[in-house]
Amino acid sequence: MTRSPPPLLLLGLALATLAGCQHGAPVQVSPRAPELRFSGRVDQRDPQGPRLAWGGTSLTARFTGTSLGVRLLDLGKLEEAAPNRFRFSVDGAPFRDLYVGEGPLLYRLAEGLPPGEHTLRLEKETEPAVGETQVLGLELDPEARLLPAPPRLERRLEFIGDSGLTGFGIEGKSAQCSFNAETQRHSLTWAALTAHALQAELSVVAYSGKGVAVNYANDPTPTVPELYTRTLPRREDGPWDFTAWVPDAVVIQLGANDFWKEHPGEARFRDAYHSLVTSIRGHYPQAHIVCVLGSGVSDAHPKDLQARTLVRGLVSGLVEGLRQAGDTRVHFAEVPANREDEGLGCLWHPSRKTHQRTAEQMTPLLRDWLGWK
């Protein structure tokens, strides 16, 4: 992936303390305030503030006053040099983008609000390859205060995948563009669209280039099953607490990187996939597990491999075997491959239209399997 960081467009947001006629000092809110609600996998161990890496991770906060600032720090880059991209909304207004600059900075997200109670929603659009961002706190008007966050949604969905779930290139104009933060947008993925349609809280464990048994280009770094055990993918010392957030369903979309160029070996792929499903079942005995053959796996590439046919047979056969053994809460689903009439995202990734079509197919399936009205 080439490195082409976007310009640091902060959309007119001030990076300094409030100017004007306010009396008294602004209220500094600790990043560890219990009223702040994070969704997704967040590392809370650093006393300086929570760290976020996975796409779709979010912060919700309620507050009083007429303005709001948030302090963020983009941590050191290991892969992509681009700044992390977030989107935010205050009081349900249309979302706006925020690129996180270098160093600890205060981003003024709202000013001139009417007096009273307000709600912030901040979501990470970029994936772990773009690195981690640390929340260092909030800044409110003098005498304003933080309020308890709204109640959590009762329904919960977890998605596990590769670039097909990170929003890689989803806003690209063609298959010829390369990776960059400006064309990656998690909120347009079929995972995000499906969770929104089902009114479910979302957690995503997805990383571009990762496979079940083999990563893209035989990258020797950990594959998805190992990353799945971590709170953040780059931190081996931070195991995820599977009791902290229990999903109603876990959706897996993997396989494209395992077959990126050659057959990884039938037994190797099947055993790794089976091990992942078994691990999920061990952590979540009552959850539905949905194994999806995604749109990015094709019989046309690699040439003569028939990758889509192979993955279909291996994954559907594994699911059928588990169901025959008595696990009726594991399912197989297949969405059609990428279509030319829907366009393509960067580097032949699914387009926005393809993600929308996938969400329209998968939403009723999940609703039916989960018995959600």
Protein backbone atom coordinates (compact mmCIF):
# COMPACT_ATOMS: atom_id res chain seq x y z
CA MET A 1 0.00 0.00 0.00
CA THR A 2 1.40 3.40 -0.92
CA ARG A 3 1.49 6.19 1.57
CA SER A 4 -0.30 9.33 0.48
CA PRO A 5 -1.49 11.23 3.55
CA PRO A 6 -4.30 13.70 2.89
CA PRO A 7 -3.92 17.39 3.69
CA LEU A 8 -4.71 18.13 7.29
CA LEU A 9 -8.18 19.55 6.67
CA LEU A 10 -9.73 20.40 9.99
CA LEU A 11 -12.75 22.07 8.36
CA GLY A 12 -12.29 25.33 10.16
CA LEU A 13 -12.05 23.80 13.62
CA ALA A 14 -9.97 25.88 16.00
CA LEU A 15 -7.08 24.14 17.72
CA ALA A 16 -6.72 26.63 20.54
CA THR A 17 -8.59 27.42 23.69
CA LEU A 18 -11.83 29.35 23.38
CA ALA A 19 -11.50 32.99 22.53
CA GLY A 20 -14.22 35.42 23.46
CA CYS A 21 -15.94 36.75 26.50
CA GLN A 22 -16.48 33.70 28.62
CA HIS A 23 -15.84 34.11 32.32
CA GLY A 24 -13.81 31.60 34.30
CA ALA A 25 -11.69 28.70 33.17
CA PRO A 26 -12.99 26.04 30.79
CA VAL A 27 -13.97 22.76 32.41
CA GLN A 28 -11.44 20.00 31.68
CA VAL A 29 -13.06 16.55 31.51
CA SER A 30 -10.87 13.55 32.27
CA PRO A 31 -10.69 10.99 29.47
CA ARG A 32 -11.43 8.40 32.12
CA ALA A 33 -14.64 10.06 33.31
CA PRO A 34 -17.23 7.31 33.90
CA GLU A 35 -19.88 9.32 32.03
CA LEU A 36 -17.99 8.88 28.74
CA ARG A 37 -19.21 5.86 26.80
CA PHE A 38 -16.94 4.05 24.38
CA SER A 39 -18.12 1.36 21.97
CA GLY A 40 -15.89 -1.19 20.30
CA ARG A 41 -12.57 -2.46 21.59
CA VAL A 42 -10.80 0.30 23.50
CA ASP A 43 -7.62 -0.03 25.56
CA GLN A 44 -8.30 1.68 28.90
CA ARG A 45 -5.01 0.84 30.65
CA ASP A 46 -3.11 4.08 30.01
CA PRO A 47 -3.92 6.66 32.73
CA GLN A 48 -3.42 9.40 30.13
CA GLY A 49 -6.46 8.22 28.21
CA PRO A 50 -8.12 5.42 26.21
CA ARG A 51 -6.55 4.24 22.96
CA LEU A 52 -8.55 3.39 19.83
CA ALA A 53 -7.41 1.49 16.73
CA TRP A 54 -10.27 -0.50 15.21
CA GLY A 55 -12.51 1.17 12.66
CA GLY A 56 -15.99 1.97 13.94
CA THR A 57 -14.82 2.50 17.52
CA SER A 58 -16.87 5.34 18.96
CA LEU A 59 -17.27 7.80 21.82
CA THR A 60 -20.62 9.15 23.01
CA ALA A 61 -20.82 12.00 25.51
CA ARG A 62 -23.61 14.20 26.89
CA PHE A 63 -22.78 17.65 28.24
CA THR A 64 -24.17 21.07 29.10
CA GLY A 65 -22.99 24.43 27.83
CA THR A 66 -22.64 26.01 24.41
CA SER A 67 -19.33 24.58 23.16
CA LEU A 68 -17.22 21.43 23.13
CA GLY A 69 -13.61 20.57 22.46
CA VAL A 70 -11.89 17.17 22.42
CA ARG A 71 -8.20 16.53 22.95
CA LEU A 72 -6.71 13.80 20.75
CA LEU A 73 -3.26 12.40 20.10
CA ASP A 74 -2.41 10.36 17.01
CA LEU A 75 0.19 7.86 18.19
CA GLY A 76 3.31 6.87 16.27
CA LYS A 77 2.77 5.34 12.85
CA LEU A 78 3.96 1.82 12.07
CA GLU A 79 2.37 1.29 8.65
CA GLU A 80 0.43 4.10 6.99
CA ALA A 81 1.76 7.62 7.49
CA ALA A 82 -1.70 9.14 7.02
CA PRO A 83 -3.51 10.80 9.93
CA ASN A 84 -6.45 8.96 11.39
CA ARG A 85 -9.83 10.09 10.16
CA PHE A 86 -12.85 10.45 12.44
CA ARG A 87 -16.35 11.75 11.91
CA PHE A 88 -18.43 13.55 14.52
CA SER A 89 -21.92 14.82 15.10
CA VAL A 90 -23.40 17.01 17.82
CA ASP A 91 -27.11 16.72 18.58
CA GLY A 92 -27.76 14.59 15.52
CA ALA A 93 -26.47 17.15 13.02
CA PRO A 94 -24.90 15.83 9.77
CA PHE A 95 -21.55 14.19 10.43
CA ARG A 96 -18.38 16.13 9.66
CA ASP A 97 -14.85 14.80 9.16
CA LEU A 98 -11.91 15.30 11.49
CA TYR A 99 -8.32 14.36 10.61
CA VAL A 100 -6.08 14.01 13.67
CA GLY A 101 -2.87 16.02 13.43
CA GLU A 102 0.53 15.48 15.03
CA GLY A 103 0.90 16.01 18.74
CA PRO A 104 -1.72 16.44 21.46
CA LEU A 105 -4.22 18.97 20.11
CA LEU A 106 -7.55 20.44 21.13
CA TYR A 107 -10.17 20.15 18.39
CA ARG A 108 -13.09 22.54 18.72
CA LEU A 109 -16.06 20.43 17.63
CA ALA A 110 -18.90 22.77 18.51
CA GLU A 111 -19.42 26.41 19.38
CA GLY A 112 -22.49 28.62 19.66
CA LEU A 113 -24.80 25.82 20.75
CA PRO A 114 -28.05 26.79 22.47
CA PRO A 115 -27.87 26.52 26.26
CA GLY A 116 -28.93 23.14 27.60
CA GLU A 117 -28.03 19.50 27.16
CA HIS A 118 -26.16 18.20 24.09
CA THR A 119 -24.80 14.89 22.78
CA LEU A 120 -21.55 14.17 20.93
CA ARG A 121 -20.97 11.15 18.72
CA LEU A 122 -17.37 10.59 17.58
CA GLU A 123 -16.51 7.61 15.35
CA LYS A 124 -13.22 6.31 13.94
CA GLU A 125 -13.40 5.90 10.17
CA THR A 126 -9.89 4.58 9.52
CA GLU A 127 -8.58 1.14 10.37
CA PRO A 128 -5.71 -0.17 12.54
CA ALA A 129 -3.22 0.11 9.67
CA VAL A 130 -3.47 3.89 10.10
CA GLY A 131 -2.58 3.51 13.75
CA GLU A 132 -3.94 4.33 17.18
CA THR A 133 -5.50 7.53 18.48
CA GLN A 134 -5.59 8.41 22.16
CA VAL A 135 -8.42 10.40 23.74
CA LEU A 136 -6.89 12.88 26.20
CA GLY A 137 -10.09 14.51 27.43
CA LEU A 138 -12.85 16.99 26.69
CA GLU A 139 -13.13 20.72 27.26
CA LEU A 140 -16.43 22.36 28.17
CA ASP A 141 -17.64 25.88 28.93
CA PRO A 142 -16.93 27.32 32.37
CA GLU A 143 -19.47 25.87 34.81
CA ALA A 144 -20.68 23.32 32.22
CA ARG A 145 -20.70 19.67 33.16
CA LEU A 146 -20.64 16.18 31.75
CA LEU A 147 -23.86 14.16 31.95
CA PRO A 148 -24.44 10.40 31.87
CA ALA A 149 -24.40 9.05 28.33
CA PRO A 150 -27.66 7.88 26.75
CA PRO A 151 -28.59 4.23 27.39
CA ARG A 152 -26.76 1.66 25.29
CA LEU A 153 -28.57 -0.14 22.50
CA GLU A 154 -29.74 -3.55 23.69
CA ARG A 155 -28.71 -5.41 20.52
CA ARG A 156 -25.05 -6.17 19.83
CA LEU A 157 -23.23 -7.27 16.67
CA GLU A 158 -19.56 -8.11 16.23
CA PHE A 159 -17.90 -8.27 12.80
CA ILE A 160 -14.56 -9.93 12.08
CA GLY A 161 -12.82 -9.40 8.75
CA ASP A 162 -10.24 -7.93 6.44
CA SER A 163 -10.25 -4.92 4.08
CA GLY A 164 -13.70 -5.94 2.89
CA LEU A 165 -14.99 -4.72 6.26
CA THR A 166 -12.62 -1.79 6.90
CA GLY A 167 -14.03 0.41 4.16
CA PHE A 168 -10.74 0.21 2.22
CA GLY A 169 -11.08 2.38 -0.90
CA ILE A 170 -14.85 2.62 -0.53
CA GLU A 171 -14.84 6.24 -1.72
CA GLY A 172 -12.30 5.68 -4.48
CA LYS A 173 -13.22 6.63 -8.03
CA SER A 174 -11.89 3.44 -9.60
CA ALA A 175 -9.89 0.29 -8.97
CA GLN A 176 -6.70 2.15 -9.92
CA CYS A 177 -6.36 4.31 -6.80
CA SER A 178 -4.18 3.18 -3.90
CA PHE A 179 -4.84 3.11 -0.16
CA ASN A 180 -5.32 6.41 1.63
CA ALA A 181 -7.31 7.70 4.57
CA GLU A 182 -9.48 9.93 2.37
CA THR A 183 -11.05 7.00 0.53
CA GLN A 184 -11.50 4.77 3.59
CA ARG A 185 -14.74 5.22 5.50
CA HIS A 186 -15.96 2.61 7.97
CA SER A 187 -19.41 4.17 8.30
CA LEU A 188 -20.22 3.19 4.68
CA THR A 189 -19.34 -0.50 5.10
CA TRP A 190 -22.07 -3.10 5.06
CA ALA A 191 -21.22 -3.91 8.68
CA ALA A 192 -21.98 -0.35 9.77
CA LEU A 193 -25.07 -0.09 7.55
CA THR A 194 -26.44 -3.41 8.81
CA ALA A 195 -25.88 -2.56 12.47
CA HIS A 196 -27.61 0.78 11.96
CA ALA A 197 -30.59 -0.85 10.21
CA LEU A 198 -30.93 -3.37 13.04
CA GLN A 199 -30.42 -0.73 15.74
CA ALA A 200 -27.51 -2.68 17.19
CA GLU A 201 -24.32 -1.58 18.92
CA LEU A 202 -21.35 -2.48 16.76
CA SER A 203 -17.85 -3.80 17.44
CA VAL A 204 -15.50 -4.46 14.53
CA VAL A 205 -12.29 -6.49 14.48
CA ALA A 206 -11.15 -5.95 10.89
CA TYR A 207 -7.69 -5.29 9.45
CA SER A 208 -6.73 -4.96 5.79
CA GLY A 209 -4.47 -7.65 4.41
CA LYS A 210 -5.19 -10.18 7.14
CA GLY A 211 -6.29 -13.76 6.61
CA VAL A 212 -7.47 -16.76 8.57
CA ALA A 213 -4.36 -18.85 7.92
CA VAL A 214 -2.28 -16.68 5.55
CA ASN A 215 -2.02 -12.90 5.24
CA TYR A 216 -1.84 -11.01 1.96
CA ALA A 217 1.56 -11.38 0.25
CA ASN A 218 2.52 -13.91 2.92
CA ASP A 219 2.96 -11.11 5.44
CA PRO A 220 4.39 -12.88 8.53
CA THR A 221 2.57 -10.68 11.06
CA PRO A 222 -0.30 -12.21 13.09
CA THR A 223 -3.40 -13.43 11.28
CA VAL A 224 -6.95 -12.64 12.36
CA PRO A 225 -7.37 -15.50 14.89
CA GLU A 226 -4.45 -14.16 16.92
CA LEU A 227 -5.52 -10.52 16.60
CA TYR A 228 -9.02 -11.47 17.70
CA THR A 229 -7.74 -12.19 21.21
CA ARG A 230 -6.33 -8.66 21.62
CA THR A 231 -7.93 -5.39 22.67
CA LEU A 232 -5.78 -3.54 20.12
CA PRO A 233 -4.01 -5.41 17.31
CA ARG A 234 -0.53 -4.01 17.89
CA ARG A 235 -0.49 -4.67 21.64
CA GLU A 236 0.26 -8.26 22.59
CA ASP A 237 0.14 -7.39 26.28
CA GLY A 238 -3.51 -6.29 26.19
CA PRO A 239 -5.79 -9.34 25.92
CA TRP A 240 -9.44 -8.62 25.23
CA ASP A 241 -11.89 -9.32 28.06
CA PHE A 242 -14.57 -11.37 26.33
CA THR A 243 -16.90 -10.93 29.29
CA ALA A 244 -16.91 -7.14 28.95
CA TRP A 245 -19.17 -7.02 25.91
CA VAL A 246 -21.12 -10.07 24.73
CA PRO A 247 -22.56 -9.92 21.19
CA ASP A 248 -25.81 -11.46 20.03
CA ALA A 249 -24.11 -12.46 16.78
CA VAL A 250 -20.57 -12.64 15.42
CA VAL A 251 -20.20 -12.20 11.66
CA ILE A 252 -17.02 -13.46 9.97
CA GLN A 253 -15.98 -12.34 6.48
CA LEU A 254 -12.54 -13.73 5.66
CA GLY A 255 -10.73 -15.75 3.02
CA ALA A 256 -9.80 -13.23 0.33
CA ASN A 257 -6.24 -12.76 1.60
CA ASP A 258 -5.66 -16.46 2.20
CA PHE A 259 -6.26 -17.03 -1.53
CA TRP A 260 -4.60 -13.81 -2.72
CA LYS A 261 -2.24 -15.63 -5.08
CA GLU A 262 -2.24 -19.35 -4.43
CA HIS A 263 -4.06 -22.06 -2.54
CA PRO A 264 -2.93 -21.96 1.13
CA GLY A 265 -3.70 -25.65 1.54
CA GLU A 266 -7.16 -27.05 2.16
CA ALA A 267 -6.44 -28.50 5.60
CA ARG A 268 -4.51 -25.42 6.71
CA PHE A 269 -7.32 -23.04 5.80
CA ARG A 270 -10.13 -25.23 7.08
CA ASP A 271 -8.37 -25.95 10.39
CA ALA A 272 -7.60 -22.27 10.99
CA TYR A 273 -11.17 -21.24 10.20
CA HIS A 274 -12.57 -24.02 12.36
CA SER A 275 -10.29 -22.97 15.22
CA LEU A 276 -11.55 -19.38 14.96
CA VAL A 277 -15.20 -20.45 15.03
CA THR A 278 -14.52 -22.79 17.94
CA SER A 279 -12.81 -19.98 19.84
CA ILE A 280 -15.76 -17.67 19.27
CA ARG A 281 -18.19 -20.34 20.41
CA GLY A 282 -16.15 -20.89 23.56
CA HIS A 283 -16.34 -17.21 24.43
CA TYR A 284 -19.98 -16.73 23.41
CA PRO A 285 -21.97 -19.97 23.92
CA GLN A 286 -25.32 -18.37 22.99
CA ALA A 287 -24.26 -16.12 20.12
CA HIS A 288 -25.15 -16.77 16.50
CA ILE A 289 -22.04 -17.14 14.33
CA VAL A 290 -22.43 -16.18 10.68
CA CYS A 291 -19.71 -17.20 8.19
CA VAL A 292 -19.96 -14.99 5.09
CA LEU A 293 -18.45 -15.54 1.66
CA GLY A 294 -17.90 -11.89 0.80
CA SER A 295 -18.02 -10.03 -2.48
CA GLY A 296 -14.24 -9.65 -2.69
CA VAL A 297 -13.50 -13.36 -3.27
CA SER A 298 -13.50 -14.11 -7.00
CA ASP A 299 -13.15 -17.09 -9.32
CA ALA A 300 -11.52 -14.77 -11.86
CA HIS A 301 -8.53 -13.93 -9.68
CA PRO A 302 -6.07 -15.46 -9.13
CA LYS A 303 -6.24 -16.97 -12.59
CA ASP A 304 -7.12 -20.68 -12.70
CA LEU A 305 -7.42 -20.96 -8.91
CA GLN A 306 -11.23 -20.72 -8.64
CA ALA A 307 -10.83 -19.10 -5.23
CA ARG A 308 -14.51 -18.31 -4.72
CA THR A 309 -15.53 -21.86 -5.44
CA LEU A 310 -12.87 -23.19 -3.08
CA VAL A 311 -13.77 -20.85 -0.21
CA ARG A 312 -17.47 -21.55 -0.69
CA GLY A 313 -16.92 -25.28 -0.40
CA LEU A 314 -14.57 -25.12 2.55
CA VAL A 315 -16.58 -22.66 4.66
CA SER A 316 -20.06 -23.99 3.85
CA GLY A 317 -18.81 -27.54 4.49
CA LEU A 318 -17.37 -26.51 7.83
CA VAL A 319 -20.65 -24.84 8.84
CA GLU A 320 -22.69 -27.85 7.76
CA GLY A 321 -20.46 -30.12 9.82
CA LEU A 322 -20.92 -27.95 12.91
CA ARG A 323 -24.68 -27.88 12.43
CA GLN A 324 -24.84 -31.66 12.06
CA ALA A 325 -22.85 -31.91 15.28
CA GLY A 326 -25.59 -29.94 17.05
CA ASP A 327 -24.58 -26.27 16.80
CA THR A 328 -27.70 -24.79 15.19
CA ARG A 329 -26.55 -21.22 15.83
CA VAL A 330 -23.85 -21.25 13.18
CA HIS A 331 -24.81 -20.17 9.66
CA PHE A 332 -23.35 -19.76 6.17
CA ALA A 333 -24.24 -16.85 3.88
CA GLU A 334 -22.96 -15.87 0.47
CA VAL A 335 -23.21 -12.46 -1.12
CA PRO A 336 -22.59 -12.05 -4.87
CA ALA A 337 -19.12 -11.10 -6.03
CA ASN A 338 -18.24 -7.52 -6.95
CA ARG A 339 -20.16 -6.38 -10.04
CA GLU A 340 -18.88 -4.07 -12.76
CA ASP A 341 -22.12 -2.11 -12.88
CA GLU A 342 -21.63 -1.15 -9.22
CA GLY A 343 -18.13 0.19 -9.80
CA LEU A 344 -15.06 -0.67 -7.75
CA GLY A 345 -13.26 0.94 -4.85
CA CYS A 346 -9.50 1.41 -4.74
CA LEU A 347 -7.41 -1.65 -5.64
CA TRP A 348 -10.49 -3.65 -6.71
CA HIS A 349 -12.24 -3.41 -3.36
CA PRO A 350 -16.03 -3.33 -3.05
CA SER A 351 -17.63 0.00 -3.83
CA ARG A 352 -20.13 1.94 -1.81
CA LYS A 353 -22.92 0.46 -3.94
CA THR A 354 -21.65 -3.07 -3.30
CA HIS A 355 -21.57 -2.49 0.44
CA GLN A 356 -25.10 -1.11 0.30
CA ARG A 357 -26.31 -4.12 -1.69
CA THR A 358 -24.63 -6.49 0.77
CA ALA A 359 -26.26 -4.74 3.73
CA GLU A 360 -29.66 -5.03 2.06
CA GLN A 361 -29.13 -8.78 1.67
CA MET A 362 -27.65 -9.49 5.09
CA THR A 363 -29.93 -7.32 7.24
CA PRO A 364 -33.07 -9.47 6.82
CA LEU A 365 -31.04 -12.67 7.21
CA LEU A 366 -29.61 -11.53 10.54
CA ARG A 367 -33.00 -10.23 11.62
CA ASP A 368 -34.54 -13.63 10.92
CA TRP A 369 -31.79 -15.72 12.50
CA LEU A 370 -31.77 -13.55 15.63
CA GLY A 371 -35.54 -13.25 15.87
CA TRP A 372 -35.38 -9.46 15.90
CA LYS A 373 -38.51 -7.59 14.89
